[in-house]
Amino acid sequence: MIRTTAVPRPVRVGTALLGVAGIVTLAGCSGGTSDAAAPAASEAAPAASSAPSTSAAADASSTSGAYKDGTYEATGQYATPESVETIDVTLTVAGDTVTAVEVTGDPQAAESKRYQGEFIGGIQSEVVGKKLDELSVSKVAGSSLTSGGFNKAVDTIKTEAKA
């Protein structure tokens, strides 16, 4: 004889809510930007919206020399399931082309330390030698969330570097 025990209703509801929370958390790991990170990123760097980068791309296609040569720094934020992380990006631009990149992180979570380290190790080959308007990384060395912070910093740099 198989014996069954009824699970109380509050336990079933709590388990269902926990499952939904898990799905929402995993959706945040999908490589896109999280709505929760958007307000924090816009407060930290108001110029890092998508509008400046779009107009910068349009300007670059109609004229040469869309960006001033120089070295630019910006900070990008991104959300992980554990925390909100930041990375500092330094790009050197000459003739609208990236000639050098440096990324430093300050990871708040242990897993972020790993991913930021892998991203930093692989970013140079992804961006050096490319036109500034062509920069938009989606996944570098297995790190997709760090890429979002990098892209936000690049958007800020594009705005600052406009000729």
Protein backbone atom coordinates (compact mmCIF):
# COMPACT_ATOMS: atom_id res chain seq x y z
CA MET A 1 0.00 0.00 0.00
CA ILE A 2 1.30 3.43 -0.95
CA ARG A 3 0.74 6.07 1.64
CA THR A 4 0.23 9.65 0.51
CA THR A 5 0.35 12.75 2.61
CA ALA A 6 -1.42 15.94 1.62
CA VAL A 7 0.85 18.98 1.36
CA PRO A 8 -0.66 22.01 3.11
CA ARG A 9 -1.81 24.83 0.81
CA PRO A 10 0.67 27.46 2.13
CA VAL A 11 3.58 25.14 1.31
CA ARG A 12 2.31 24.61 -2.25
CA VAL A 13 1.86 28.36 -2.81
CA GLY A 14 5.31 29.12 -1.37
CA THR A 15 6.91 26.49 -3.60
CA ALA A 16 5.17 27.94 -6.66
CA LEU A 17 6.35 31.46 -5.81
CA LEU A 18 9.89 30.20 -5.29
CA GLY A 19 9.80 28.58 -8.75
CA VAL A 20 8.61 31.82 -10.36
CA ALA A 21 11.36 33.78 -8.57
CA GLY A 22 13.92 31.31 -9.89
CA ILE A 23 12.69 31.74 -13.46
CA VAL A 24 12.83 35.54 -13.14
CA THR A 25 16.37 35.32 -11.78
CA LEU A 26 17.48 33.08 -14.62
CA ALA A 27 15.88 35.40 -17.16
CA GLY A 28 18.11 38.15 -15.78
CA CYS A 29 21.14 36.00 -16.63
CA SER A 30 20.16 35.74 -20.29
CA GLY A 31 22.69 38.35 -21.39
CA GLY A 32 20.28 41.24 -21.82
CA THR A 33 20.09 44.18 -19.51
CA SER A 34 17.88 43.99 -16.48
CA ASP A 35 15.18 46.58 -15.80
CA ALA A 36 16.47 46.74 -12.23
CA ALA A 37 19.89 47.84 -13.46
CA ALA A 38 18.58 50.49 -15.84
CA PRO A 39 17.68 53.11 -13.24
CA ALA A 40 20.98 52.66 -11.39
CA ALA A 41 22.95 52.92 -14.62
CA SER A 42 21.09 56.01 -15.75
CA GLU A 43 21.63 57.69 -12.38
CA ALA A 44 25.34 56.94 -12.43
CA ALA A 45 25.89 57.93 -16.05
CA PRO A 46 22.98 59.86 -17.55
CA ALA A 47 24.75 60.17 -20.92
CA ALA A 48 24.84 56.37 -21.30
CA SER A 49 21.50 56.09 -23.05
CA SER A 50 20.97 54.44 -26.39
CA ALA A 51 20.10 57.75 -28.12
CA PRO A 52 23.64 59.21 -28.13
CA SER A 53 25.18 56.03 -29.52
CA THR A 54 22.60 55.87 -32.29
CA SER A 55 23.18 59.48 -33.30
CA ALA A 56 26.95 58.93 -33.08
CA ALA A 57 26.60 56.03 -35.52
CA ALA A 58 24.60 58.20 -37.90
CA ASP A 59 27.17 61.00 -37.67
CA ALA A 60 30.03 58.59 -38.36
CA SER A 61 28.43 57.29 -41.52
CA SER A 62 27.87 60.76 -42.96
CA THR A 63 31.25 62.33 -42.10
CA SER A 64 34.73 61.12 -41.44
CA GLY A 65 36.36 61.88 -38.11
CA ALA A 66 33.27 61.49 -35.95
CA TYR A 67 35.40 61.17 -32.79
CA LYS A 68 38.24 63.20 -31.34
CA ASP A 69 41.49 61.30 -30.85
CA GLY A 70 42.32 60.72 -27.21
CA THR A 71 41.98 58.49 -24.20
CA TYR A 72 38.58 58.28 -22.56
CA GLU A 73 37.35 56.69 -19.33
CA ALA A 74 33.87 55.66 -18.24
CA THR A 75 32.21 53.32 -15.76
CA GLY A 76 29.54 50.81 -16.72
CA GLN A 77 27.11 49.07 -14.38
CA TYR A 78 25.32 45.77 -14.77
CA ALA A 79 23.12 43.62 -12.57
CA THR A 80 23.83 40.04 -11.54
CA PRO A 81 21.52 37.82 -9.50
CA GLU A 82 23.68 38.61 -6.43
CA SER A 83 24.60 42.29 -6.84
CA VAL A 84 25.03 45.34 -9.03
CA GLU A 85 28.57 45.36 -10.43
CA THR A 86 30.68 48.05 -12.05
CA ILE A 87 33.64 48.03 -14.40
CA ASP A 88 35.89 50.91 -15.42
CA VAL A 89 36.74 51.14 -19.11
CA THR A 90 39.57 53.17 -20.66
CA LEU A 91 39.67 53.40 -24.45
CA THR A 92 42.27 55.12 -26.60
CA VAL A 93 40.84 56.32 -29.92
CA ALA A 94 42.78 57.44 -33.01
CA GLY A 95 41.13 58.03 -36.38
CA ASP A 96 37.79 56.71 -35.02
CA THR A 97 39.53 53.38 -34.28
CA VAL A 98 40.20 51.86 -30.85
CA THR A 99 43.97 51.53 -30.42
CA ALA A 100 44.02 50.42 -26.77
CA VAL A 101 41.62 49.20 -24.10
CA GLU A 102 41.93 48.71 -20.37
CA VAL A 103 39.19 47.33 -18.15
CA THR A 104 39.31 47.13 -14.38
CA GLY A 105 36.67 45.71 -12.12
CA ASP A 106 35.68 45.84 -8.49
CA PRO A 107 33.62 42.66 -8.14
CA GLN A 108 31.23 42.46 -5.21
CA ALA A 109 30.39 38.76 -5.56
CA ALA A 110 32.80 35.81 -5.87
CA GLU A 111 31.25 34.66 -9.13
CA SER A 112 31.55 38.19 -10.55
CA LYS A 113 35.28 38.14 -9.78
CA ARG A 114 35.68 35.07 -11.98
CA TYR A 115 33.63 36.46 -14.87
CA GLN A 116 35.18 39.93 -14.73
CA GLY A 117 38.64 38.34 -14.78
CA GLU A 118 37.77 36.24 -17.84
CA PHE A 119 36.23 39.27 -19.57
CA ILE A 120 39.27 41.45 -18.88
CA GLY A 121 41.54 38.71 -20.23
CA GLY A 122 39.63 38.47 -23.52
CA ILE A 123 38.41 42.00 -24.27
CA GLN A 124 41.53 43.36 -26.00
CA SER A 125 41.29 40.98 -28.95
CA GLU A 126 37.60 41.86 -29.35
CA VAL A 127 37.95 45.66 -29.59
CA VAL A 128 41.46 46.84 -30.49
CA GLY A 129 41.62 47.73 -34.17
CA LYS A 130 37.84 48.16 -34.52
CA LYS A 131 35.98 51.36 -35.27
CA LEU A 132 34.45 52.91 -32.17
CA ASP A 133 31.01 52.81 -33.77
CA GLU A 134 31.34 49.06 -34.32
CA LEU A 135 31.92 48.26 -30.65
CA SER A 136 29.15 46.25 -29.09
CA VAL A 137 30.24 43.06 -27.40
CA SER A 138 27.73 40.42 -26.38
CA LYS A 139 29.85 37.74 -24.75
CA VAL A 140 33.57 37.73 -24.06
CA ALA A 141 35.32 34.66 -22.61
CA GLY A 142 32.02 33.28 -21.30
CA SER A 143 30.92 36.49 -19.63
CA SER A 144 27.73 38.02 -20.98
CA LEU A 145 26.62 40.24 -18.10
CA THR A 146 29.98 42.03 -17.87
CA SER A 147 29.59 42.81 -21.58
CA GLY A 148 26.49 44.85 -20.76
CA GLY A 149 28.45 47.05 -18.36
CA PHE A 150 31.21 47.41 -20.96
CA ASN A 151 28.73 48.49 -23.65
CA LYS A 152 27.22 51.11 -21.33
CA ALA A 153 30.68 52.54 -20.67
CA VAL A 154 31.41 52.58 -24.42
CA ASP A 155 28.17 54.50 -25.04
CA THR A 156 29.32 57.14 -22.55
CA ILE A 157 32.74 57.29 -24.20
CA LYS A 158 31.14 57.73 -27.65
CA THR A 159 29.21 60.73 -26.34
CA GLU A 160 32.32 62.27 -24.74
CA ALA A 161 34.52 61.66 -27.80
CA LYS A 162 32.19 63.19 -30.41
CA ALA A 163 34.08 65.61 -32.65
